[in-house]
């Protein structure tokens, strides 16, 4: 399974298979945020199942990630973390959309935008938060998050 631990409560990576769900549970993950429009999350038959939040987006500079999706995912992540759980944010390869969600979560936890992106790049070298259309979403999220307080 291609995942990276960013903080004690946050993981970012590629799309998990149903066979990866046990590992996610073992890591303490309680919420999986799926940023892929191409792949609906498969059901977890374990009791209790992992919670999934599907925020279908496209990895494209033309159809950018809606800020409302980043806000929704961040609020769900913070609720999970405050309840003692961990969060796994993913997209197809864990390079763009899942990274944007992970950065949004870190920003909501008090990281500056650049510090959040730097931490993600350090912990997940394949991550590319600096590509212009992802960076712009992260920076816009930071402004929206500040305004929502």
N, C-alpha and C. Protein backbone atom coordinates (compact mmCIF):
# COMPACT_ATOMS: atom_id res chain seq x y z
N UNK A 1 0.86 -1.18 0.00
CA UNK A 1 0.00 0.00 0.00
C UNK A 1 0.89 1.23 0.00
N UNK A 2 0.62 2.16 -0.90
CA UNK A 2 1.42 3.37 -1.04
C UNK A 2 0.83 4.49 -0.19
N UNK A 3 1.35 4.62 1.04
CA UNK A 3 0.90 5.69 1.92
C UNK A 3 2.08 6.26 2.67
N UNK A 4 1.91 7.50 3.12
CA UNK A 4 2.95 8.16 3.90
C UNK A 4 2.31 8.77 5.13
N UNK A 5 2.97 8.62 6.28
CA UNK A 5 2.49 9.25 7.49
C UNK A 5 3.05 10.66 7.53
N UNK A 6 2.15 11.64 7.57
CA UNK A 6 2.54 13.04 7.56
C UNK A 6 2.68 13.56 8.99
N UNK A 7 1.71 13.26 9.82
CA UNK A 7 1.75 13.59 11.26
C UNK A 7 1.22 12.36 12.00
N UNK A 8 1.13 12.45 13.30
CA UNK A 8 0.58 11.34 14.07
C UNK A 8 -0.85 11.01 13.67
N UNK A 9 -1.60 12.01 13.18
CA UNK A 9 -3.02 11.81 12.87
C UNK A 9 -3.34 11.79 11.38
N UNK A 10 -2.37 12.06 10.51
CA UNK A 10 -2.67 12.23 9.09
C UNK A 10 -1.76 11.38 8.20
N UNK A 11 -2.40 10.67 7.29
CA UNK A 11 -1.71 9.89 6.26
C UNK A 11 -2.20 10.37 4.90
N UNK A 12 -1.33 10.34 3.91
CA UNK A 12 -1.67 10.67 2.53
C UNK A 12 -1.11 9.57 1.64
N UNK A 13 -1.88 9.22 0.60
CA UNK A 13 -1.36 8.21 -0.30
C UNK A 13 -2.23 7.95 -1.49
N UNK A 14 -2.01 6.79 -2.08
CA UNK A 14 -2.73 6.35 -3.27
C UNK A 14 -4.01 5.63 -2.85
N UNK A 15 -4.83 5.33 -3.83
CA UNK A 15 -6.11 4.66 -3.58
C UNK A 15 -5.89 3.30 -2.91
N UNK A 16 -6.53 3.08 -1.76
CA UNK A 16 -6.39 1.77 -1.12
C UNK A 16 -7.33 0.75 -1.76
N UNK A 17 -6.93 -0.49 -1.70
CA UNK A 17 -7.82 -1.58 -2.10
C UNK A 17 -8.57 -2.05 -0.86
N UNK A 18 -9.60 -2.83 -1.07
CA UNK A 18 -10.35 -3.39 0.06
C UNK A 18 -9.40 -4.16 0.97
N UNK A 19 -8.42 -4.84 0.39
CA UNK A 19 -7.44 -5.58 1.18
C UNK A 19 -6.56 -4.71 2.06
N UNK A 20 -6.50 -3.40 1.77
CA UNK A 20 -5.71 -2.47 2.57
C UNK A 20 -6.46 -1.94 3.78
N UNK A 21 -7.76 -2.17 3.83
CA UNK A 21 -8.56 -1.60 4.91
C UNK A 21 -8.11 -2.07 6.29
N UNK A 22 -7.73 -3.33 6.40
CA UNK A 22 -7.27 -3.85 7.70
C UNK A 22 -6.03 -3.09 8.17
N UNK A 23 -5.11 -2.81 7.26
CA UNK A 23 -3.91 -2.05 7.63
C UNK A 23 -4.28 -0.64 8.07
N UNK A 24 -5.20 -0.02 7.36
CA UNK A 24 -5.63 1.33 7.75
C UNK A 24 -6.22 1.30 9.17
N UNK A 25 -7.07 0.31 9.44
CA UNK A 25 -7.63 0.19 10.80
C UNK A 25 -6.53 -0.02 11.82
N UNK A 26 -5.55 -0.88 11.49
CA UNK A 26 -4.43 -1.13 12.41
C UNK A 26 -3.63 0.13 12.70
N UNK A 27 -3.56 1.03 11.73
CA UNK A 27 -2.85 2.31 11.92
C UNK A 27 -3.67 3.31 12.74
N UNK A 28 -4.93 2.99 12.99
CA UNK A 28 -5.80 3.89 13.74
C UNK A 28 -6.63 4.81 12.87
N UNK A 29 -6.61 4.57 11.55
CA UNK A 29 -7.40 5.39 10.65
C UNK A 29 -8.88 5.07 10.86
N UNK A 30 -9.66 6.13 10.98
CA UNK A 30 -11.10 5.97 11.14
C UNK A 30 -11.87 6.65 10.00
N UNK A 31 -11.19 7.59 9.31
CA UNK A 31 -11.83 8.30 8.20
C UNK A 31 -10.92 8.24 6.98
N UNK A 32 -11.48 7.82 5.85
CA UNK A 32 -10.78 7.80 4.57
C UNK A 32 -11.45 8.84 3.69
N UNK A 33 -10.66 9.83 3.26
CA UNK A 33 -11.18 10.87 2.37
C UNK A 33 -10.70 10.56 0.95
N UNK A 34 -11.65 10.23 0.09
CA UNK A 34 -11.38 9.86 -1.30
C UNK A 34 -11.63 11.07 -2.19
N UNK A 35 -10.59 11.56 -2.85
CA UNK A 35 -10.69 12.73 -3.71
C UNK A 35 -10.85 12.35 -5.19
N UNK A 36 -11.08 11.10 -5.50
CA UNK A 36 -11.14 10.63 -6.89
C UNK A 36 -12.57 10.60 -7.42
N UNK A 37 -12.79 11.23 -8.55
CA UNK A 37 -14.09 11.10 -9.21
C UNK A 37 -14.18 9.76 -9.92
N UNK A 38 -13.02 9.20 -10.30
CA UNK A 38 -12.97 7.99 -11.11
C UNK A 38 -13.27 6.72 -10.33
N UNK A 39 -13.19 6.77 -9.02
CA UNK A 39 -13.30 5.52 -8.25
C UNK A 39 -14.03 5.76 -6.94
N UNK A 40 -15.28 5.32 -6.91
CA UNK A 40 -16.07 5.38 -5.68
C UNK A 40 -15.44 4.43 -4.66
N UNK A 41 -15.42 4.81 -3.38
CA UNK A 41 -14.84 3.90 -2.38
C UNK A 41 -15.62 2.59 -2.27
N UNK A 42 -14.89 1.50 -2.16
CA UNK A 42 -15.52 0.19 -1.95
C UNK A 42 -15.93 0.07 -0.49
N UNK A 43 -17.01 -0.62 -0.25
CA UNK A 43 -17.53 -0.77 1.11
C UNK A 43 -16.56 -1.56 1.98
N UNK A 44 -16.50 -1.19 3.25
CA UNK A 44 -15.72 -1.92 4.24
C UNK A 44 -16.69 -2.78 5.02
N UNK A 45 -16.53 -4.09 4.96
CA UNK A 45 -17.47 -5.01 5.60
C UNK A 45 -17.12 -5.30 7.05
N UNK A 46 -16.01 -4.75 7.54
CA UNK A 46 -15.60 -4.94 8.92
C UNK A 46 -16.58 -4.22 9.84
N UNK A 47 -16.72 -4.71 11.04
CA UNK A 47 -17.58 -4.07 12.05
C UNK A 47 -16.73 -3.53 13.18
N UNK A 48 -16.73 -2.26 13.47
CA UNK A 48 -17.36 -1.20 12.70
C UNK A 48 -16.53 -0.87 11.46
N UNK A 49 -17.19 -0.45 10.40
CA UNK A 49 -16.46 -0.15 9.17
C UNK A 49 -15.72 1.18 9.26
N UNK A 50 -14.72 1.33 8.39
CA UNK A 50 -14.09 2.63 8.23
C UNK A 50 -15.15 3.60 7.70
N UNK A 51 -15.02 4.85 8.07
CA UNK A 51 -15.91 5.88 7.55
C UNK A 51 -15.26 6.45 6.29
N UNK A 52 -16.05 6.63 5.24
CA UNK A 52 -15.56 7.16 3.98
C UNK A 52 -16.25 8.47 3.66
N UNK A 53 -15.47 9.41 3.16
CA UNK A 53 -16.02 10.66 2.64
C UNK A 53 -15.54 10.77 1.21
N UNK A 54 -16.46 10.74 0.28
CA UNK A 54 -16.12 10.80 -1.14
C UNK A 54 -16.34 12.22 -1.64
N UNK A 55 -15.26 12.86 -2.04
CA UNK A 55 -15.30 14.22 -2.58
C UNK A 55 -14.77 14.15 -4.02
N UNK A 56 -15.62 13.77 -4.97
CA UNK A 56 -15.17 13.47 -6.33
C UNK A 56 -14.63 14.69 -7.07
N UNK A 57 -13.34 14.65 -7.36
CA UNK A 57 -12.68 15.72 -8.08
C UNK A 57 -11.80 15.14 -9.18
N UNK A 58 -11.44 15.99 -10.10
CA UNK A 58 -10.58 15.60 -11.22
C UNK A 58 -9.23 16.27 -11.04
N UNK A 59 -8.17 15.54 -11.36
CA UNK A 59 -6.82 16.10 -11.29
C UNK A 59 -6.58 16.89 -12.58
N UNK A 60 -6.98 18.17 -12.55
CA UNK A 60 -6.94 18.98 -13.75
C UNK A 60 -6.74 20.45 -13.41
N UNK A 61 -5.94 21.16 -14.20
CA UNK A 61 -5.81 22.60 -13.98
C UNK A 61 -7.04 23.36 -14.46
N UNK A 62 -7.91 22.72 -15.21
CA UNK A 62 -9.10 23.39 -15.72
C UNK A 62 -10.28 23.23 -14.75
N UNK A 63 -10.50 22.02 -14.25
CA UNK A 63 -11.58 21.74 -13.31
C UNK A 63 -10.96 21.60 -11.92
N UNK A 64 -10.79 22.71 -11.25
CA UNK A 64 -10.06 22.72 -9.98
C UNK A 64 -10.90 22.16 -8.84
N UNK A 65 -10.23 21.79 -7.78
CA UNK A 65 -10.90 21.25 -6.58
C UNK A 65 -11.77 22.34 -5.97
N UNK A 66 -13.06 22.09 -5.78
CA UNK A 66 -13.91 23.09 -5.14
C UNK A 66 -13.47 23.35 -3.69
N UNK A 67 -13.39 24.60 -3.33
CA UNK A 67 -13.00 24.95 -1.96
C UNK A 67 -14.00 24.35 -0.96
N UNK A 68 -15.28 24.27 -1.34
CA UNK A 68 -16.27 23.67 -0.45
C UNK A 68 -15.93 22.22 -0.14
N UNK A 69 -15.35 21.49 -1.08
CA UNK A 69 -14.93 20.11 -0.83
C UNK A 69 -13.79 20.09 0.19
N UNK A 70 -12.83 20.99 0.04
CA UNK A 70 -11.72 21.04 1.00
C UNK A 70 -12.22 21.42 2.38
N UNK A 71 -13.16 22.34 2.46
CA UNK A 71 -13.73 22.72 3.75
C UNK A 71 -14.49 21.54 4.37
N UNK A 72 -15.28 20.86 3.57
CA UNK A 72 -16.06 19.72 4.07
C UNK A 72 -15.15 18.60 4.57
N UNK A 73 -14.14 18.28 3.78
CA UNK A 73 -13.20 17.24 4.19
C UNK A 73 -12.42 17.60 5.43
N UNK A 74 -12.03 18.85 5.52
CA UNK A 74 -11.27 19.31 6.69
C UNK A 74 -12.12 19.24 7.95
N UNK A 75 -13.35 19.67 7.85
CA UNK A 75 -14.23 19.61 9.04
C UNK A 75 -14.43 18.16 9.50
N UNK A 76 -14.63 17.26 8.56
CA UNK A 76 -14.79 15.84 8.91
C UNK A 76 -13.50 15.29 9.52
N UNK A 77 -12.37 15.69 8.96
CA UNK A 77 -11.08 15.22 9.48
C UNK A 77 -10.85 15.72 10.90
N UNK A 78 -11.13 16.99 11.14
CA UNK A 78 -10.92 17.54 12.48
C UNK A 78 -11.82 16.85 13.50
N UNK A 79 -13.04 16.57 13.11
CA UNK A 79 -13.97 15.86 14.01
C UNK A 79 -13.43 14.46 14.34
N UNK A 80 -12.91 13.77 13.33
CA UNK A 80 -12.34 12.44 13.53
C UNK A 80 -11.12 12.50 14.44
N UNK A 81 -10.24 13.44 14.19
CA UNK A 81 -9.01 13.59 14.99
C UNK A 81 -9.35 13.95 16.43
N UNK A 82 -10.30 14.86 16.60
CA UNK A 82 -10.70 15.24 17.97
C UNK A 82 -11.32 14.07 18.71
N UNK A 83 -11.89 13.13 17.97
CA UNK A 83 -12.46 11.93 18.58
C UNK A 83 -11.44 10.81 18.78
N UNK A 84 -10.17 11.09 18.51
CA UNK A 84 -9.11 10.11 18.74
C UNK A 84 -8.74 9.26 17.54
N UNK A 85 -9.37 9.51 16.39
CA UNK A 85 -9.06 8.74 15.18
C UNK A 85 -8.03 9.42 14.31
N UNK A 86 -7.64 8.72 13.29
CA UNK A 86 -6.68 9.23 12.31
C UNK A 86 -7.37 9.28 10.95
N UNK A 87 -6.74 10.03 10.03
CA UNK A 87 -7.35 10.30 8.72
C UNK A 87 -6.39 9.88 7.62
N UNK A 88 -6.95 9.28 6.56
CA UNK A 88 -6.20 8.94 5.36
C UNK A 88 -6.83 9.69 4.20
N UNK A 89 -6.09 10.63 3.61
CA UNK A 89 -6.54 11.37 2.43
C UNK A 89 -5.85 10.79 1.21
N UNK A 90 -6.63 10.49 0.17
CA UNK A 90 -6.00 9.88 -1.01
C UNK A 90 -6.62 10.37 -2.30
N UNK A 91 -5.84 10.18 -3.34
CA UNK A 91 -6.29 10.34 -4.72
C UNK A 91 -5.71 9.14 -5.47
N UNK A 92 -5.54 9.24 -6.76
CA UNK A 92 -5.05 8.09 -7.51
C UNK A 92 -3.64 7.68 -7.09
N UNK A 93 -2.73 8.65 -7.03
CA UNK A 93 -1.33 8.34 -6.72
C UNK A 93 -0.80 9.07 -5.49
N UNK A 94 -1.65 9.86 -4.84
CA UNK A 94 -1.19 10.58 -3.65
C UNK A 94 -0.21 11.70 -3.97
N UNK A 95 -0.42 12.34 -5.10
CA UNK A 95 0.50 13.41 -5.53
C UNK A 95 -0.15 14.79 -5.54
N UNK A 96 -1.45 14.88 -5.87
CA UNK A 96 -2.09 16.18 -6.06
C UNK A 96 -3.33 16.38 -5.19
N UNK A 97 -4.44 15.73 -5.55
CA UNK A 97 -5.71 15.97 -4.85
C UNK A 97 -5.66 15.56 -3.38
N UNK A 98 -5.13 14.39 -3.09
CA UNK A 98 -4.99 13.95 -1.70
C UNK A 98 -4.05 14.85 -0.93
N UNK A 99 -3.04 15.35 -1.61
CA UNK A 99 -2.08 16.28 -1.01
C UNK A 99 -2.76 17.61 -0.68
N UNK A 100 -3.62 18.09 -1.59
CA UNK A 100 -4.36 19.33 -1.32
C UNK A 100 -5.23 19.16 -0.07
N UNK A 101 -5.89 18.01 0.02
CA UNK A 101 -6.73 17.76 1.21
C UNK A 101 -5.88 17.67 2.47
N UNK A 102 -4.77 16.97 2.37
CA UNK A 102 -3.88 16.87 3.53
C UNK A 102 -3.37 18.23 3.97
N UNK A 103 -2.98 19.08 3.01
CA UNK A 103 -2.52 20.42 3.35
C UNK A 103 -3.63 21.22 4.01
N UNK A 104 -4.85 21.09 3.51
CA UNK A 104 -5.98 21.80 4.11
C UNK A 104 -6.17 21.38 5.57
N UNK A 105 -6.05 20.11 5.84
CA UNK A 105 -6.20 19.61 7.22
C UNK A 105 -5.10 20.21 8.11
N UNK A 106 -3.88 20.21 7.61
CA UNK A 106 -2.78 20.78 8.39
C UNK A 106 -2.98 22.27 8.64
N UNK A 107 -3.43 22.99 7.64
CA UNK A 107 -3.69 24.43 7.80
C UNK A 107 -4.75 24.65 8.87
N UNK A 108 -5.79 23.84 8.86
CA UNK A 108 -6.84 23.96 9.87
C UNK A 108 -6.32 23.63 11.27
N UNK A 109 -5.24 22.85 11.34
CA UNK A 109 -4.63 22.53 12.62
C UNK A 109 -3.61 23.57 13.05
N UNK A 110 -3.44 24.63 12.25
CA UNK A 110 -2.57 25.72 12.65
C UNK A 110 -1.29 25.90 11.86
N UNK A 111 -1.04 25.04 10.89
CA UNK A 111 0.16 25.20 10.06
C UNK A 111 -0.03 26.35 9.08
N UNK A 112 1.02 27.09 8.81
CA UNK A 112 1.01 28.05 7.71
C UNK A 112 0.98 27.24 6.40
N UNK A 113 0.45 27.83 5.35
CA UNK A 113 0.32 27.13 4.07
C UNK A 113 1.65 26.55 3.60
N UNK A 114 2.68 27.38 3.57
CA UNK A 114 3.99 26.91 3.09
C UNK A 114 4.56 25.82 3.99
N UNK A 115 4.35 25.95 5.29
CA UNK A 115 4.85 24.94 6.22
C UNK A 115 4.12 23.61 6.01
N UNK A 116 2.82 23.67 5.75
CA UNK A 116 2.05 22.45 5.50
C UNK A 116 2.56 21.76 4.23
N UNK A 117 2.75 22.53 3.18
CA UNK A 117 3.23 21.94 1.92
C UNK A 117 4.64 21.38 2.08
N UNK A 118 5.49 22.07 2.81
CA UNK A 118 6.86 21.60 3.01
C UNK A 118 6.87 20.29 3.82
N UNK A 119 6.07 20.23 4.87
CA UNK A 119 5.99 19.00 5.67
C UNK A 119 5.53 17.82 4.81
N UNK A 120 4.51 18.05 3.99
CA UNK A 120 4.01 16.97 3.14
C UNK A 120 5.11 16.51 2.17
N UNK A 121 5.81 17.44 1.55
CA UNK A 121 6.88 17.06 0.61
C UNK A 121 8.00 16.30 1.33
N UNK A 122 8.29 16.69 2.56
CA UNK A 122 9.34 16.02 3.32
C UNK A 122 8.93 14.58 3.67
N UNK A 123 7.68 14.39 4.06
CA UNK A 123 7.20 13.08 4.48
C UNK A 123 6.76 12.20 3.31
N UNK A 124 6.42 12.84 2.19
CA UNK A 124 5.97 12.11 1.01
C UNK A 124 6.65 12.72 -0.22
N UNK A 125 7.86 12.27 -0.53
CA UNK A 125 8.63 12.88 -1.62
C UNK A 125 7.93 12.89 -2.98
N UNK A 126 7.01 11.98 -3.22
CA UNK A 126 6.30 11.97 -4.51
C UNK A 126 5.21 13.04 -4.58
N UNK A 127 4.87 13.66 -3.46
CA UNK A 127 3.83 14.69 -3.43
C UNK A 127 4.29 15.92 -4.20
N UNK A 128 3.35 16.56 -4.88
CA UNK A 128 3.66 17.76 -5.65
C UNK A 128 2.65 18.87 -5.36
N UNK A 129 2.70 19.44 -4.15
CA UNK A 129 1.78 20.54 -3.84
C UNK A 129 2.15 21.84 -4.55
N UNK A 130 3.33 21.89 -5.16
CA UNK A 130 3.78 23.11 -5.81
C UNK A 130 3.27 23.28 -7.23
N UNK A 131 2.70 22.22 -7.81
CA UNK A 131 2.14 22.39 -9.16
C UNK A 131 1.06 23.48 -9.06
N UNK A 132 1.05 24.40 -10.01
CA UNK A 132 0.30 25.65 -9.87
C UNK A 132 -1.17 25.48 -9.51
N UNK A 133 -1.86 24.52 -10.07
CA UNK A 133 -3.29 24.41 -9.82
C UNK A 133 -3.62 23.77 -8.47
N UNK A 134 -2.68 23.06 -7.89
CA UNK A 134 -2.86 22.52 -6.53
C UNK A 134 -2.45 23.57 -5.50
N UNK A 135 -1.31 24.20 -5.73
CA UNK A 135 -0.85 25.27 -4.82
C UNK A 135 -1.90 26.38 -4.71
N UNK A 136 -2.48 26.76 -5.83
CA UNK A 136 -3.48 27.84 -5.79
C UNK A 136 -4.70 27.44 -4.96
N UNK A 137 -5.09 26.16 -5.03
CA UNK A 137 -6.22 25.68 -4.22
C UNK A 137 -5.87 25.68 -2.73
N UNK A 138 -4.65 25.26 -2.41
CA UNK A 138 -4.22 25.24 -1.01
C UNK A 138 -4.22 26.65 -0.45
N UNK A 139 -3.67 27.59 -1.19
CA UNK A 139 -3.62 28.98 -0.73
C UNK A 139 -5.01 29.58 -0.62
N UNK A 140 -5.87 29.27 -1.57
CA UNK A 140 -7.25 29.78 -1.50
C UNK A 140 -8.00 29.14 -0.33
N UNK A 141 -7.75 27.86 -0.09
CA UNK A 141 -8.37 27.22 1.08
C UNK A 141 -7.95 27.94 2.36
N UNK A 142 -6.66 28.25 2.49
CA UNK A 142 -6.17 28.92 3.70
C UNK A 142 -6.92 30.22 3.95
N UNK A 143 -7.18 30.98 2.91
CA UNK A 143 -7.93 32.24 3.06
C UNK A 143 -9.38 31.95 3.44
N UNK A 144 -9.98 30.95 2.81
CA UNK A 144 -11.36 30.59 3.11
C UNK A 144 -11.49 30.07 4.54
N UNK A 145 -10.53 29.28 4.97
CA UNK A 145 -10.57 28.73 6.32
C UNK A 145 -10.47 29.87 7.35
N UNK A 146 -9.57 30.79 7.12
CA UNK A 146 -9.41 31.93 8.03
C UNK A 146 -10.70 32.73 8.08
N UNK A 147 -11.34 32.93 6.95
CA UNK A 147 -12.58 33.72 6.89
C UNK A 147 -13.74 32.98 7.55
N UNK A 148 -13.68 31.65 7.60
CA UNK A 148 -14.80 30.88 8.17
C UNK A 148 -14.76 30.81 9.69
N UNK A 149 -13.68 31.27 10.27
CA UNK A 149 -13.56 31.21 11.74
C UNK A 149 -14.40 32.27 12.43
